[in-house]
Amino acid sequence: MIVRSRSVGLMALTTSVVLSAVGQLGMKVGMQRMHVLAADAVQMTWPPLEPVAFWIVVGIASYVLSLAAWLVVLIRYPLSYAYPFLGLSYVLVYIGATQWEELAEPVTPLRTIGTICVIAGVALVSARAKHDSF
């Protein structure tokens, strides 16, 4: 029973982190496309907005699903343990923003070091003492 509960909790935690990052990336792409349409003075009607709306909807839907998964996490883990894992969404967003050709954000040494620090921080917080039981 405990193993099943842990696997459900871990799956919910992973789902929440990944969907949070997908939400950010989707909304960024949608808003970036909207900005291009506005800058090009394209008439803002539904057909040109279709690809824009798609990514914004994907982003918002991802956030809603991330919230649902997060509620499952809150049932299974102490907040002081679970909350730092949300920092991993920053790592995923950084990787996605630098690797997704449409966003093409720069990889910089400082951002990379900061991302490594986030990973190290999550690792430190997630290290359990022998008396932890959740």
Protein backbone atom coordinates (compact mmCIF):
# COMPACT_ATOMS: atom_id res chain seq x y z
CA MET A 1 0.00 0.00 0.00
CA ILE A 2 2.80 2.44 0.86
CA VAL A 3 4.66 1.66 -2.38
CA ARG A 4 1.53 2.34 -4.44
CA SER A 5 0.93 5.62 -2.61
CA ARG A 6 4.53 6.69 -3.24
CA SER A 7 4.32 5.87 -6.94
CA VAL A 8 1.05 7.81 -7.28
CA GLY A 9 2.61 10.74 -5.42
CA LEU A 10 5.75 10.65 -7.55
CA MET A 11 3.70 10.42 -10.74
CA ALA A 12 1.54 13.37 -9.65
CA LEU A 13 4.61 15.41 -8.71
CA THR A 14 6.31 14.71 -12.04
CA THR A 15 3.10 15.45 -13.94
CA SER A 16 2.64 18.76 -12.14
CA VAL A 17 6.22 19.89 -12.81
CA VAL A 18 6.20 18.88 -16.49
CA LEU A 19 2.76 20.36 -17.22
CA SER A 20 3.71 23.59 -15.49
CA ALA A 21 6.71 23.92 -17.82
CA VAL A 22 4.63 22.98 -20.88
CA GLY A 23 2.14 25.65 -19.83
CA GLN A 24 4.80 28.35 -19.68
CA LEU A 25 6.32 27.36 -23.01
CA GLY A 26 2.94 27.12 -24.74
CA MET A 27 1.77 30.50 -23.50
CA LYS A 28 5.10 32.08 -24.47
CA VAL A 29 4.89 30.74 -28.03
CA GLY A 30 1.27 31.87 -28.35
CA MET A 31 1.98 35.34 -27.05
CA GLN A 32 5.11 35.65 -29.16
CA ARG A 33 3.07 34.78 -32.26
CA MET A 34 0.39 37.28 -31.23
CA HIS A 35 3.06 39.96 -30.90
CA VAL A 36 4.35 39.21 -34.42
CA LEU A 37 0.81 39.44 -35.82
CA ALA A 38 0.24 42.77 -34.08
CA ALA A 39 3.62 44.12 -35.16
CA ASP A 40 2.90 43.17 -38.75
CA ALA A 41 -0.46 44.94 -38.45
CA VAL A 42 -2.28 41.82 -39.57
CA GLN A 43 -6.00 42.07 -39.04
CA MET A 44 -6.67 40.37 -35.69
CA THR A 45 -9.45 38.02 -36.74
CA TRP A 46 -9.95 34.37 -35.80
CA PRO A 47 -8.26 32.66 -38.82
CA PRO A 48 -4.86 34.39 -38.30
CA LEU A 49 -5.20 33.88 -34.56
CA GLU A 50 -5.82 30.14 -34.83
CA PRO A 51 -2.17 29.08 -34.30
CA VAL A 52 -1.83 31.70 -31.59
CA ALA A 53 -4.97 30.55 -29.79
CA PHE A 54 -3.85 26.92 -30.04
CA TRP A 55 -0.65 27.49 -28.07
CA ILE A 56 -2.32 29.74 -25.52
CA VAL A 57 -5.04 27.12 -24.95
CA VAL A 58 -2.39 24.39 -24.67
CA GLY A 59 -0.59 26.50 -22.09
CA ILE A 60 -3.67 27.23 -20.01
CA ALA A 61 -4.91 23.62 -20.22
CA SER A 62 -1.49 22.41 -19.10
CA TYR A 63 -1.65 24.74 -16.11
CA VAL A 64 -5.11 23.48 -15.13
CA LEU A 65 -3.96 19.85 -15.35
CA SER A 66 -0.80 20.76 -13.45
CA LEU A 67 -2.95 22.20 -10.67
CA ALA A 68 -5.03 19.02 -10.50
CA ALA A 69 -1.86 16.93 -10.19
CA TRP A 70 -0.51 19.34 -7.58
CA LEU A 71 -3.61 18.81 -5.44
CA VAL A 72 -2.82 15.08 -5.43
CA VAL A 73 0.75 15.91 -4.39
CA LEU A 74 -0.49 18.02 -1.49
CA ILE A 75 -2.43 15.04 -0.13
CA ARG A 76 0.65 12.79 -0.15
CA TYR A 77 3.64 14.94 0.78
CA PRO A 78 4.52 17.67 3.28
CA LEU A 79 4.53 21.05 1.56
CA SER A 80 8.10 21.78 2.68
CA TYR A 81 9.21 18.65 0.81
CA ALA A 82 7.03 18.92 -2.30
CA TYR A 83 7.13 22.64 -3.07
CA PRO A 84 10.83 22.86 -3.96
CA PHE A 85 10.25 20.28 -6.71
CA LEU A 86 8.32 22.96 -8.59
CA GLY A 87 11.73 24.54 -9.13
CA LEU A 88 12.40 21.78 -11.62
CA SER A 89 9.85 23.41 -13.89
CA TYR A 90 12.33 26.31 -14.19
CA VAL A 91 14.92 23.82 -15.41
CA LEU A 92 12.50 22.37 -17.97
CA VAL A 93 11.47 25.83 -19.15
CA TYR A 94 15.11 26.85 -19.58
CA ILE A 95 15.85 23.71 -21.58
CA GLY A 96 12.66 24.07 -23.64
CA ALA A 97 13.18 27.77 -24.33
CA THR A 98 16.74 27.24 -25.48
CA GLN A 99 16.05 24.11 -27.54
CA TRP A 100 12.70 24.98 -29.13
CA GLU A 101 13.64 26.61 -32.41
CA GLU A 102 10.71 29.03 -32.32
CA LEU A 103 11.83 30.49 -29.01
CA ALA A 104 15.60 30.12 -29.52
CA GLU A 105 16.54 31.78 -26.25
CA PRO A 106 20.27 32.00 -25.62
CA VAL A 107 22.17 29.56 -23.44
CA THR A 108 24.38 31.63 -21.16
CA PRO A 109 26.89 30.55 -18.53
CA LEU A 110 25.06 32.38 -15.72
CA ARG A 111 21.67 30.91 -16.61
CA THR A 112 23.19 27.46 -16.87
CA ILE A 113 24.92 27.80 -13.49
CA GLY A 114 21.67 29.07 -11.97
CA THR A 115 19.81 26.11 -13.43
CA ILE A 116 22.38 23.72 -11.94
CA CYS A 117 21.92 25.46 -8.58
CA VAL A 118 18.17 24.87 -8.78
CA ILE A 119 18.78 21.18 -9.43
CA ALA A 120 21.23 21.02 -6.52
CA GLY A 121 18.72 22.76 -4.25
CA VAL A 122 15.96 20.32 -5.14
CA ALA A 123 18.35 17.42 -4.53
CA LEU A 124 19.21 18.79 -1.08
CA VAL A 125 15.60 19.34 -0.10
CA SER A 126 14.53 15.93 -1.38
CA ALA A 127 17.25 14.07 0.52
CA ARG A 128 15.35 12.29 3.26
CA ALA A 129 16.54 11.67 6.75
CA LYS A 130 16.06 8.15 8.10
CA HIS A 131 13.12 9.28 10.25
CA ASP A 132 11.16 10.80 7.34
CA SER A 133 8.15 8.69 6.45
CA PHE A 134 5.94 9.84 3.62
